[in-house]
Amino acid sequence: MVELRARLAELESEQREVVRIVAGNGSGEGVGDARTPEFAKHARELQEVVDELALIGVQIKDPDTGLLDFPAVREGEDVLLCWRIGEDAVEWWHTAGDGFAGRRRIDF
């Protein structure tokens, strides 16, 4: 997901440059058709990843950093297990109200 979003951001930047060039040719033709098949492909792939995660109950909190929450129950209370790219395992939790700032390490 993070890699797809980063590539889409690169393509979007390239897209803006193409639109600037095409629009600057005086005719404006082709401006709406400047999106590449690669952009469309990556956008579809990203949507599939997001849909798949949502289907299993994963909440995407920050798609750029890969911050994810997983609903769970801790001592009878609804909480969210919290993980982001770079962490070796899911070792944090927080309440829905506390969010990322209120993360606490899971006691094993």
PDB file of N, CA and C in Angstrom:
ATOM      1  N   MET A   1       0.825  -1.180   0.000  1.00  0.00           N
ATOM      2  CA  MET A   1       0.000   0.000   0.000  1.00  0.00           C
ATOM      3  C   MET A   1       0.876   1.254   0.000  1.00  0.00           C
ATOM      4  N   VAL A   2       1.877   1.278   0.869  1.00  0.00           N
ATOM      5  CA  VAL A   2       2.743   2.453   0.959  1.00  0.00           C
ATOM      6  C   VAL A   2       3.519   2.632  -0.343  1.00  0.00           C
ATOM      7  N   GLU A   3       4.035   1.528  -0.877  1.00  0.00           N
ATOM      8  CA  GLU A   3       4.784   1.607  -2.137  1.00  0.00           C
ATOM      9  C   GLU A   3       3.880   2.077  -3.277  1.00  0.00           C
ATOM     10  N   LEU A   4       2.655   1.569  -3.335  1.00  0.00           N
ATOM     11  CA  LEU A   4       1.724   1.982  -4.387  1.00  0.00           C
ATOM     12  C   LEU A   4       1.398   3.464  -4.273  1.00  0.00           C
ATOM     13  N   ARG A   5       1.160   3.940  -3.050  1.00  0.00           N
ATOM     14  CA  ARG A   5       0.853   5.366  -2.869  1.00  0.00           C
ATOM     15  C   ARG A   5       2.037   6.240  -3.269  1.00  0.00           C
ATOM     16  N   ALA A   6       3.237   5.790  -2.931  1.00  0.00           N
ATOM     17  CA  ALA A   6       4.425   6.568  -3.300  1.00  0.00           C
ATOM     18  C   ALA A   6       4.579   6.627  -4.814  1.00  0.00           C
ATOM     19  N   ARG A   7       4.358   5.501  -5.484  1.00  0.00           N
ATOM     20  CA  ARG A   7       4.474   5.486  -6.950  1.00  0.00           C
ATOM     21  C   ARG A   7       3.386   6.353  -7.573  1.00  0.00           C
ATOM     22  N   LEU A   8       2.179   6.298  -7.037  1.00  0.00           N
ATOM     23  CA  LEU A   8       1.094   7.136  -7.554  1.00  0.00           C
ATOM     24  C   LEU A   8       1.426   8.620  -7.379  1.00  0.00           C
ATOM     25  N   ALA A   9       2.054   8.975  -6.284  1.00  0.00           N
ATOM     26  CA  ALA A   9       2.446  10.371  -6.068  1.00  0.00           C
ATOM     27  C   ALA A   9       3.472  10.793  -7.116  1.00  0.00           C
ATOM     28  N   GLU A  10       4.419   9.897  -7.428  1.00  0.00           N
ATOM     29  CA  GLU A  10       5.400  10.191  -8.481  1.00  0.00           C
ATOM     30  C   GLU A  10       4.700  10.387  -9.822  1.00  0.00           C
ATOM     31  N   LEU A  11       3.785   9.465 -10.130  1.00  0.00           N
ATOM     32  CA  LEU A  11       3.068   9.544 -11.400  1.00  0.00           C
ATOM     33  C   LEU A  11       2.203  10.798 -11.461  1.00  0.00           C
ATOM     34  N   GLU A  12       1.611  11.172 -10.339  1.00  0.00           N
ATOM     35  CA  GLU A  12       0.784  12.383 -10.285  1.00  0.00           C
ATOM     36  C   GLU A  12       1.633  13.613 -10.598  1.00  0.00           C
ATOM     37  N   SER A  13       2.844  13.626 -10.058  1.00  0.00           N
ATOM     38  CA  SER A  13       3.763  14.722 -10.337  1.00  0.00           C
ATOM     39  C   SER A  13       4.110  14.762 -11.823  1.00  0.00           C
ATOM     40  N   GLU A  14       4.391  13.587 -12.380  1.00  0.00           N
ATOM     41  CA  GLU A  14       4.666  13.511 -13.814  1.00  0.00           C
ATOM     42  C   GLU A  14       3.445  13.960 -14.611  1.00  0.00           C
ATOM     43  N   GLN A  15       2.265  13.577 -14.135  1.00  0.00           N
ATOM     44  CA  GLN A  15       1.002  13.928 -14.784  1.00  0.00           C
ATOM     45  C   GLN A  15       0.853  15.449 -14.858  1.00  0.00           C
ATOM     46  N   ARG A  16       1.138  16.119 -13.750  1.00  0.00           N
ATOM     47  CA  ARG A  16       1.023  17.575 -13.728  1.00  0.00           C
ATOM     48  C   ARG A  16       1.947  18.212 -14.770  1.00  0.00           C
ATOM     49  N   GLU A  17       3.139  17.655 -14.912  1.00  0.00           N
ATOM     50  CA  GLU A  17       4.084  18.189 -15.899  1.00  0.00           C
ATOM     51  C   GLU A  17       3.560  17.973 -17.315  1.00  0.00           C
ATOM     52  N   VAL A  18       2.988  16.785 -17.581  1.00  0.00           N
ATOM     53  CA  VAL A  18       2.423  16.511 -18.911  1.00  0.00           C
ATOM     54  C   VAL A  18       1.280  17.480 -19.196  1.00  0.00           C
ATOM     55  N   VAL A  19       0.414  17.675 -18.236  1.00  0.00           N
ATOM     56  CA  VAL A  19      -0.715  18.600 -18.416  1.00  0.00           C
ATOM     57  C   VAL A  19      -0.202  20.011 -18.683  1.00  0.00           C
ATOM     58  N   ARG A  20       0.824  20.431 -17.963  1.00  0.00           N
ATOM     59  CA  ARG A  20       1.399  21.762 -18.170  1.00  0.00           C
ATOM     60  C   ARG A  20       1.933  21.902 -19.597  1.00  0.00           C
ATOM     61  N   ILE A  21       2.625  20.880 -20.053  1.00  0.00           N
ATOM     62  CA  ILE A  21       3.194  20.928 -21.402  1.00  0.00           C
ATOM     63  C   ILE A  21       2.096  20.925 -22.460  1.00  0.00           C
ATOM     64  N   VAL A  22       1.133  20.007 -22.301  1.00  0.00           N
ATOM     65  CA  VAL A  22       0.052  19.896 -23.284  1.00  0.00           C
ATOM     66  C   VAL A  22      -0.789  21.164 -23.290  1.00  0.00           C
ATOM     67  N   ALA A  23      -1.106  21.672 -22.106  1.00  0.00           N
ATOM     68  CA  ALA A  23      -1.917  22.889 -22.034  1.00  0.00           C
ATOM     69  C   ALA A  23      -1.160  24.076 -22.621  1.00  0.00           C
ATOM     70  N   GLY A  24       0.151  24.036 -22.543  1.00  0.00           N
ATOM     71  CA  GLY A  24       0.957  25.131 -23.048  1.00  0.00           C
ATOM     72  C   GLY A  24       1.137  25.116 -24.558  1.00  0.00           C
ATOM     73  N   ASN A  25       0.612  24.054 -25.204  1.00  0.00           N
ATOM     74  CA  ASN A  25       0.785  23.987 -26.658  1.00  0.00           C
ATOM     75  C   ASN A  25      -0.236  24.853 -27.395  1.00  0.00           C
ATOM     76  N   GLY A  26      -1.096  25.501 -26.620  1.00  0.00           N
ATOM     77  CA  GLY A  26      -2.038  26.431 -27.225  1.00  0.00           C
ATOM     78  C   GLY A  26      -3.371  25.823 -27.590  1.00  0.00           C
ATOM     79  N   SER A  27      -3.409  24.510 -27.773  1.00  0.00           N
ATOM     80  CA  SER A  27      -4.669  23.908 -28.196  1.00  0.00           C
ATOM     81  C   SER A  27      -5.469  23.353 -27.026  1.00  0.00           C
ATOM     82  N   GLY A  28      -4.765  22.910 -25.992  1.00  0.00           N
ATOM     83  CA  GLY A  28      -5.455  22.302 -24.860  1.00  0.00           C
ATOM     84  C   GLY A  28      -5.923  20.890 -25.154  1.00  0.00           C
ATOM     85  N   GLU A  29      -5.695  20.403 -26.361  1.00  0.00           N
ATOM     86  CA  GLU A  29      -6.118  19.047 -26.714  1.00  0.00           C
ATOM     87  C   GLU A  29      -5.298  18.032 -25.942  1.00  0.00           C
ATOM     88  N   GLY A  30      -5.953  16.997 -25.508  1.00  0.00           N
ATOM     89  CA  GLY A  30      -5.265  15.909 -24.841  1.00  0.00           C
ATOM     90  C   GLY A  30      -5.044  16.098 -23.359  1.00  0.00           C
ATOM     91  N   VAL A  31      -5.390  17.242 -22.821  1.00  0.00           N
ATOM     92  CA  VAL A  31      -5.152  17.480 -21.397  1.00  0.00           C
ATOM     93  C   VAL A  31      -5.881  16.441 -20.552  1.00  0.00           C
ATOM     94  N   GLY A  32      -7.111  16.150 -20.873  1.00  0.00           N
ATOM     95  CA  GLY A  32      -7.886  15.181 -20.098  1.00  0.00           C
ATOM     96  C   GLY A  32      -7.464  13.753 -20.326  1.00  0.00           C
ATOM     97  N   ASP A  33      -6.704  13.488 -21.384  1.00  0.00           N
ATOM     98  CA  ASP A  33      -6.292  12.126 -21.709  1.00  0.00           C
ATOM     99  C   ASP A  33      -4.857  11.846 -21.306  1.00  0.00           C
ATOM    100  N   ALA A  34      -4.272  12.703 -20.506  1.00  0.00           N
ATOM    101  CA  ALA A  34      -2.851  12.584 -20.194  1.00  0.00           C
ATOM    102  C   ALA A  34      -2.534  11.494 -19.175  1.00  0.00           C
ATOM    103  N   ARG A  35      -3.521  10.970 -18.458  1.00  0.00           N
ATOM    104  CA  ARG A  35      -3.257   9.918 -17.471  1.00  0.00           C
ATOM    105  C   ARG A  35      -2.715   8.683 -18.162  1.00  0.00           C
ATOM    106  N   THR A  36      -1.716   8.096 -17.557  1.00  0.00           N
ATOM    107  CA  THR A  36      -1.080   6.927 -18.156  1.00  0.00           C
ATOM    108  C   THR A  36      -1.776   5.642 -17.721  1.00  0.00           C
ATOM    109  N   PRO A  37      -1.636   4.591 -18.525  1.00  0.00           N
ATOM    110  CA  PRO A  37      -2.167   3.287 -18.106  1.00  0.00           C
ATOM    111  C   PRO A  37      -1.506   2.808 -16.806  1.00  0.00           C
ATOM    112  N   GLU A  38      -0.239   3.176 -16.600  1.00  0.00           N
ATOM    113  CA  GLU A  38       0.456   2.785 -15.372  1.00  0.00           C
ATOM    114  C   GLU A  38      -0.226   3.404 -14.155  1.00  0.00           C
ATOM    115  N   PHE A  39      -0.619   4.671 -14.256  1.00  0.00           N
ATOM    116  CA  PHE A  39      -1.307   5.334 -13.153  1.00  0.00           C
ATOM    117  C   PHE A  39      -2.608   4.601 -12.831  1.00  0.00           C
ATOM    118  N   ALA A  40      -3.381   4.311 -13.864  1.00  0.00           N
ATOM    119  CA  ALA A  40      -4.661   3.614 -13.668  1.00  0.00           C
ATOM    120  C   ALA A  40      -4.442   2.239 -13.039  1.00  0.00           C
ATOM    121  N   LYS A  41      -3.424   1.539 -13.485  1.00  0.00           N
ATOM    122  CA  LYS A  41      -3.111   0.203 -12.952  1.00  0.00           C
ATOM    123  C   LYS A  41      -2.769   0.282 -11.471  1.00  0.00           C
ATOM    124  N   HIS A  42      -1.891   1.213 -11.110  1.00  0.00           N
ATOM    125  CA  HIS A  42      -1.502   1.351  -9.708  1.00  0.00           C
ATOM    126  C   HIS A  42      -2.678   1.817  -8.845  1.00  0.00           C
ATOM    127  N   ALA A  43      -3.506   2.686  -9.367  1.00  0.00           N
ATOM    128  CA  ALA A  43      -4.684   3.143  -8.626  1.00  0.00           C
ATOM    129  C   ALA A  43      -5.628   1.973  -8.349  1.00  0.00           C
ATOM    130  N   ARG A  44      -5.829   1.118  -9.350  1.00  0.00           N
ATOM    131  CA  ARG A  44      -6.673  -0.078  -9.154  1.00  0.00           C
ATOM    132  C   ARG A  44      -6.063  -1.005  -8.113  1.00  0.00           C
ATOM    133  N   GLU A  45      -4.758  -1.235  -8.206  1.00  0.00           N
ATOM    134  CA  GLU A  45      -4.078  -2.116  -7.249  1.00  0.00           C
ATOM    135  C   GLU A  45      -4.186  -1.565  -5.826  1.00  0.00           C
ATOM    136  N   LEU A  46      -4.005  -0.264  -5.682  1.00  0.00           N
ATOM    137  CA  LEU A  46      -4.122   0.352  -4.371  1.00  0.00           C
ATOM    138  C   LEU A  46      -5.524   0.171  -3.813  1.00  0.00           C
ATOM    139  N   GLN A  47      -6.541   0.390  -4.634  1.00  0.00           N
ATOM    140  CA  GLN A  47      -7.919   0.226  -4.178  1.00  0.00           C
ATOM    141  C   GLN A  47      -8.185  -1.221  -3.760  1.00  0.00           C
ATOM    142  N   GLU A  48      -7.621  -2.177  -4.488  1.00  0.00           N
ATOM    143  CA  GLU A  48      -7.785  -3.590  -4.128  1.00  0.00           C
ATOM    144  C   GLU A  48      -7.164  -3.884  -2.766  1.00  0.00           C
ATOM    145  N   VAL A  49      -5.980  -3.334  -2.502  1.00  0.00           N
ATOM    146  CA  VAL A  49      -5.311  -3.532  -1.215  1.00  0.00           C
ATOM    147  C   VAL A  49      -6.151  -2.925  -0.091  1.00  0.00           C
ATOM    148  N   VAL A  50      -6.616  -1.703  -0.286  1.00  0.00           N
ATOM    149  CA  VAL A  50      -7.439  -1.029   0.723  1.00  0.00           C
ATOM    150  C   VAL A  50      -8.721  -1.816   0.978  1.00  0.00           C
ATOM    151  N   ASP A  51      -9.365  -2.277  -0.081  1.00  0.00           N
ATOM    152  CA  ASP A  51     -10.603  -3.056   0.058  1.00  0.00           C
ATOM    153  C   ASP A  51     -10.359  -4.364   0.804  1.00  0.00           C
ATOM    154  N   GLU A  52      -9.249  -5.029   0.485  1.00  0.00           N
ATOM    155  CA  GLU A  52      -8.925  -6.300   1.132  1.00  0.00           C
ATOM    156  C   GLU A  52      -8.675  -6.100   2.629  1.00  0.00           C
ATOM    157  N   LEU A  53      -7.956  -5.055   2.983  1.00  0.00           N
ATOM    158  CA  LEU A  53      -7.713  -4.769   4.396  1.00  0.00           C
ATOM    159  C   LEU A  53      -9.015  -4.442   5.126  1.00  0.00           C
ATOM    160  N   ALA A  54      -9.851  -3.630   4.510  1.00  0.00           N
ATOM    161  CA  ALA A  54     -11.134  -3.272   5.129  1.00  0.00           C
ATOM    162  C   ALA A  54     -12.015  -4.503   5.316  1.00  0.00           C
ATOM    163  N   LEU A  55     -11.964  -5.407   4.368  1.00  0.00           N
ATOM    164  CA  LEU A  55     -12.781  -6.629   4.428  1.00  0.00           C
ATOM    165  C   LEU A  55     -12.456  -7.472   5.651  1.00  0.00           C
ATOM    166  N   ILE A  56     -11.202  -7.459   6.085  1.00  0.00           N
ATOM    167  CA  ILE A  56     -10.827  -8.243   7.262  1.00  0.00           C
ATOM    168  C   ILE A  56     -10.803  -7.399   8.537  1.00  0.00           C
ATOM    169  N   GLY A  57     -11.305  -6.171   8.448  1.00  0.00           N
ATOM    170  CA  GLY A  57     -11.472  -5.337   9.635  1.00  0.00           C
ATOM    171  C   GLY A  57     -10.303  -4.441   9.982  1.00  0.00           C
ATOM    172  N   VAL A  58      -9.295  -4.386   9.130  1.00  0.00           N
ATOM    173  CA  VAL A  58      -8.142  -3.529   9.397  1.00  0.00           C
ATOM    174  C   VAL A  58      -8.517  -2.083   9.094  1.00  0.00           C
ATOM    175  N   GLN A  59      -8.145  -1.188  10.000  1.00  0.00           N
ATOM    176  CA  GLN A  59      -8.399   0.232   9.815  1.00  0.00           C
ATOM    177  C   GLN A  59      -7.096   0.906   9.394  1.00  0.00           C
ATOM    178  N   ILE A  60      -7.112   1.550   8.244  1.00  0.00           N
ATOM    179  CA  ILE A  60      -5.933   2.255   7.752  1.00  0.00           C
ATOM    180  C   ILE A  60      -5.944   3.652   8.342  1.00  0.00           C
ATOM    181  N   LYS A  61      -4.979   3.938   9.194  1.00  0.00           N
ATOM    182  CA  LYS A  61      -4.918   5.243   9.858  1.00  0.00           C
ATOM    183  C   LYS A  61      -4.044   6.228   9.090  1.00  0.00           C
ATOM    184  N   ASP A  62      -2.951   5.740   8.520  1.00  0.00           N
ATOM    185  CA  ASP A  62      -2.080   6.604   7.720  1.00  0.00           C
ATOM    186  C   ASP A  62      -1.484   5.758   6.593  1.00  0.00           C
ATOM    187  N   PRO A  63      -2.070   5.847   5.414  1.00  0.00           N
ATOM    188  CA  PRO A  63      -1.596   5.006   4.310  1.00  0.00           C
ATOM    189  C   PRO A  63      -0.196   5.365   3.829  1.00  0.00           C
ATOM    190  N   ASP A  64       0.269   6.565   4.116  1.00  0.00           N
ATOM    191  CA  ASP A  64       1.609   6.953   3.674  1.00  0.00           C
ATOM    192  C   ASP A  64       2.708   6.339   4.539  1.00  0.00           C
ATOM    193  N   THR A  65       2.427   6.141   5.817  1.00  0.00           N
ATOM    194  CA  THR A  65       3.422   5.534   6.703  1.00  0.00           C
ATOM    195  C   THR A  65       3.090   4.088   7.029  1.00  0.00           C
ATOM    196  N   GLY A  66       1.961   3.600   6.534  1.00  0.00           N
ATOM    197  CA  GLY A  66       1.575   2.221   6.797  1.00  0.00           C
ATOM    198  C   GLY A  66       1.110   2.002   8.220  1.00  0.00           C
ATOM    199  N   LEU A  67       0.423   2.971   8.796  1.00  0.00           N
ATOM    200  CA  LEU A  67      -0.100   2.858  10.158  1.00  0.00           C
ATOM    201  C   LEU A  67      -1.472   2.193  10.103  1.00  0.00           C
ATOM    202  N   LEU A  68      -1.581   1.048  10.789  1.00  0.00           N
ATOM    203  CA  LEU A  68      -2.807   0.252  10.768  1.00  0.00           C
ATOM    204  C   LEU A  68      -3.281  -0.030  12.182  1.00  0.00           C
ATOM    205  N   ASP A  69      -4.602  -0.113  12.351  1.00  0.00           N
ATOM    206  CA  ASP A  69      -5.209  -0.526  13.616  1.00  0.00           C
ATOM    207  C   ASP A  69      -6.060  -1.759  13.369  1.00  0.00           C
ATOM    208  N   PHE A  70      -6.089  -2.626  14.391  1.00  0.00           N
ATOM    209  CA  PHE A  70      -6.855  -3.858  14.326  1.00  0.00           C
ATOM    210  C   PHE A  70      -7.779  -3.899  15.537  1.00  0.00           C
ATOM    211  N   PRO A  71      -9.093  -3.939  15.329  1.00  0.00           N
ATOM    212  CA  PRO A  71     -10.014  -4.003  16.468  1.00  0.00           C
ATOM    213  C   PRO A  71      -9.753  -5.256  17.314  1.00  0.00           C
ATOM    214  N   ALA A  72      -9.827  -5.083  18.633  1.00  0.00           N
ATOM    215  CA  ALA A  72      -9.607  -6.185  19.564  1.00  0.00           C
ATOM    216  C   ALA A  72     -10.346  -5.879  20.860  1.00  0.00           C
ATOM    217  N   VAL A  73     -10.355  -6.856  21.749  1.00  0.00           N
ATOM    218  CA  VAL A  73     -10.940  -6.677  23.073  1.00  0.00           C
ATOM    219  C   VAL A  73      -9.843  -6.972  24.090  1.00  0.00           C
ATOM    220  N   ARG A  74      -9.650  -6.044  25.005  1.00  0.00           N
ATOM    221  CA  ARG A  74      -8.644  -6.192  26.061  1.00  0.00           C
ATOM    222  C   ARG A  74      -9.335  -5.988  27.397  1.00  0.00           C
ATOM    223  N   GLU A  75      -9.315  -7.018  28.215  1.00  0.00           N
ATOM    224  CA  GLU A  75      -9.944  -6.964  29.535  1.00  0.00           C
ATOM    225  C   GLU A  75     -11.376  -6.454  29.444  1.00  0.00           C
ATOM    226  N   GLY A  76     -12.118  -6.933  28.451  1.00  0.00           N
ATOM    227  CA  GLY A  76     -13.523  -6.586  28.274  1.00  0.00           C
ATOM    228  C   GLY A  76     -13.768  -5.243  27.611  1.00  0.00           C
ATOM    229  N   GLU A  77     -12.722  -4.525  27.240  1.00  0.00           N
ATOM    230  CA  GLU A  77     -12.853  -3.201  26.628  1.00  0.00           C
ATOM    231  C   GLU A  77     -12.457  -3.273  25.147  1.00  0.00           C
ATOM    232  N   ASP A  78     -13.242  -2.607  24.298  1.00  0.00           N
ATOM    233  CA  ASP A  78     -12.888  -2.515  22.888  1.00  0.00           C
ATOM    234  C   ASP A  78     -11.670  -1.618  22.751  1.00  0.00           C
ATOM    235  N   VAL A  79     -10.630  -2.138  22.116  1.00  0.00           N
ATOM    236  CA  VAL A  79      -9.400  -1.381  21.901  1.00  0.00           C
ATOM    237  C   VAL A  79      -8.945  -1.607  20.462  1.00  0.00           C
ATOM    238  N   LEU A  80      -7.875  -0.955  20.116  1.00  0.00           N
ATOM    239  CA  LEU A  80      -7.281  -1.139  18.798  1.00  0.00           C
ATOM    240  C   LEU A  80      -5.825  -1.552  18.967  1.00  0.00           C
ATOM    241  N   LEU A  81      -5.456  -2.656  18.360  1.00  0.00           N
ATOM    242  CA  LEU A  81      -4.056  -3.023  18.281  1.00  0.00           C
ATOM    243  C   LEU A  81      -3.458  -2.159  17.188  1.00  0.00           C
ATOM    244  N   CYS A  82      -2.234  -1.734  17.372  1.00  0.00           N
ATOM    245  CA  CYS A  82      -1.656  -0.726  16.501  1.00  0.00           C
ATOM    246  C   CYS A  82      -0.317  -1.214  15.947  1.00  0.00           C
ATOM    247  N   TRP A  83      -0.116  -1.044  14.645  1.00  0.00           N
ATOM    248  CA  TRP A  83       1.130  -1.444  13.984  1.00  0.00           C
ATOM    249  C   TRP A  83       1.417  -0.493  12.841  1.00  0.00           C
ATOM    250  N   ARG A  84       2.703  -0.289  12.579  1.00  0.00           N
ATOM    251  CA  ARG A  84       3.080   0.467  11.400  1.00  0.00           C
ATOM    252  C   ARG A  84       4.339  -0.150  10.799  1.00  0.00           C
ATOM    253  N   ILE A  85       4.547   0.145   9.559  1.00  0.00           N
ATOM    254  CA  ILE A  85       5.694  -0.392   8.843  1.00  0.00           C
ATOM    255  C   ILE A  85       6.963  -0.070   9.613  1.00  0.00           C
ATOM    256  N   GLY A  86       7.810  -1.067   9.702  1.00  0.00           N
ATOM    257  CA  GLY A  86       9.070  -0.925  10.418  1.00  0.00           C
ATOM    258  C   GLY A  86       9.048  -1.593  11.776  1.00  0.00           C
ATOM    259  N   GLU A  87       7.859  -1.827  12.314  1.00  0.00           N
ATOM    260  CA  GLU A  87       7.755  -2.540  13.585  1.00  0.00           C
ATOM    261  C   GLU A  87       7.722  -4.039  13.288  1.00  0.00           C
ATOM    262  N   ASP A  88       8.452  -4.806  14.098  1.00  0.00           N
ATOM    263  CA  ASP A  88       8.580  -6.245  13.853  1.00  0.00           C
ATOM    264  C   ASP A  88       7.293  -7.014  14.109  1.00  0.00           C
ATOM    265  N   ALA A  89       6.481  -6.522  15.013  1.00  0.00           N
ATOM    266  CA  ALA A  89       5.253  -7.232  15.381  1.00  0.00           C
ATOM    267  C   ALA A  89       4.235  -6.228  15.908  1.00  0.00           C
ATOM    268  N   VAL A  90       3.023  -6.708  16.090  1.00  0.00           N
ATOM    269  CA  VAL A  90       1.982  -5.879  16.709  1.00  0.00           C
ATOM    270  C   VAL A  90       2.229  -5.929  18.213  1.00  0.00           C
ATOM    271  N   GLU A  91       2.792  -4.850  18.755  1.00  0.00           N
ATOM    272  CA  GLU A  91       3.161  -4.808  20.172  1.00  0.00           C
ATOM    273  C   GLU A  91       2.521  -3.643  20.919  1.00  0.00           C
ATOM    274  N   TRP A  92       1.601  -2.926  20.261  1.00  0.00           N
ATOM    275  CA  TRP A  92       1.006  -1.734  20.863  1.00  0.00           C
ATOM    276  C   TRP A  92      -0.509  -1.795  20.776  1.00  0.00           C
ATOM    277  N   TRP A  93      -1.165  -1.098  21.689  1.00  0.00           N
ATOM    278  CA  TRP A  93      -2.618  -0.959  21.663  1.00  0.00           C
ATOM    279  C   TRP A  93      -2.981   0.431  22.173  1.00  0.00           C
ATOM    280  N   HIS A  94      -4.206   0.832  21.868  1.00  0.00           N
ATOM    281  CA  HIS A  94      -4.734   2.094  22.393  1.00  0.00           C
ATOM    282  C   HIS A  94      -6.255   2.043  22.297  1.00  0.00           C
ATOM    283  N   THR A  95      -6.896   2.928  23.045  1.00  0.00           N
ATOM    284  CA  THR A  95      -8.350   3.029  22.929  1.00  0.00           C
ATOM    285  C   THR A  95      -8.660   3.849  21.678  1.00  0.00           C
ATOM    286  N   ALA A  96      -9.878   3.761  21.221  1.00  0.00           N
ATOM    287  CA  ALA A  96     -10.278   4.528  20.039  1.00  0.00           C
ATOM    288  C   ALA A  96     -10.129   6.027  20.300  1.00  0.00           C
ATOM    289  N   GLY A  97     -10.424   6.457  21.504  1.00  0.00           N
ATOM    290  CA  GLY A  97     -10.338   7.871  21.842  1.00  0.00           C
ATOM    291  C   GLY A  97      -8.914   8.385  21.989  1.00  0.00           C
ATOM    292  N   ASP A  98      -8.013   7.529  22.428  1.00  0.00           N
ATOM    293  CA  ASP A  98      -6.624   7.950  22.653  1.00  0.00           C
ATOM    294  C   ASP A  98      -5.832   8.054  21.356  1.00  0.00           C
ATOM    295  N   GLY A  99      -6.138   7.199  20.414  1.00  0.00           N
ATOM    296  CA  GLY A  99      -5.414   7.207  19.156  1.00  0.00           C
ATOM    297  C   GLY A  99      -3.942   6.881  19.324  1.00  0.00           C
ATOM    298  N   PHE A 100      -3.192   7.136  18.271  1.00  0.00           N
ATOM    299  CA  PHE A 100      -1.770   6.797  18.229  1.00  0.00           C
ATOM    300  C   PHE A 100      -0.991   7.413  19.390  1.00  0.00           C
ATOM    301  N   ALA A 101      -1.342   8.631  19.768  1.00  0.00           N
ATOM    302  CA  ALA A 101      -0.639   9.320  20.860  1.00  0.00           C
ATOM    303  C   ALA A 101      -0.772   8.567  22.180  1.00  0.00           C
ATOM    304  N   GLY A 102      -1.821   7.776  22.320  1.00  0.00           N
ATOM    305  CA  GLY A 102      -2.055   7.045  23.560  1.00  0.00           C
ATOM    306  C   GLY A 102      -1.610   5.589  23.503  1.00  0.00           C
ATOM    307  N   ARG A 103      -0.753   5.253  22.555  1.00  0.00           N
ATOM    308  CA  ARG A 103      -0.305   3.862  22.422  1.00  0.00           C
ATOM    309  C   ARG A 103       0.379   3.385  23.694  1.00  0.00           C
ATOM    310  N   ARG A 104       0.064   2.143  24.046  1.00  0.00           N
ATOM    311  CA  ARG A 104       0.705   1.494  25.190  1.00  0.00           C
ATOM    312  C   ARG A 104       1.192   0.116  24.743  1.00  0.00           C
ATOM    313  N   ARG A 105       2.332  -0.292  25.267  1.00  0.00           N
ATOM    314  CA  ARG A 105       2.877  -1.598  24.890  1.00  0.00           C
ATOM    315  C   ARG A 105       1.993  -2.709  25.448  1.00  0.00           C
ATOM    316  N   ILE A 106       1.783  -3.715  24.646  1.00  0.00           N
ATOM    317  CA  ILE A 106       1.005  -4.879  25.077  1.00  0.00           C
ATOM    318  C   ILE A 106       1.809  -5.647  26.118  1.00  0.00           C
ATOM    319  N   ASP A 107       1.147  -5.992  27.221  1.00  0.00           N
ATOM    320  CA  ASP A 107       1.779  -6.811  28.255  1.00  0.00           C
ATOM    321  C   ASP A 107       1.543  -8.278  27.913  1.00  0.00           C
ATOM    322  N   PHE A 108       2.618  -8.980  27.639  1.00  0.00           N
ATOM    323  CA  PHE A 108       2.472 -10.406  27.283  1.00  0.00           C
ATOM    324  C   PHE A 108       2.640 -11.274  28.487  1.00  0.00           C
TER     325      PHE A 108
END
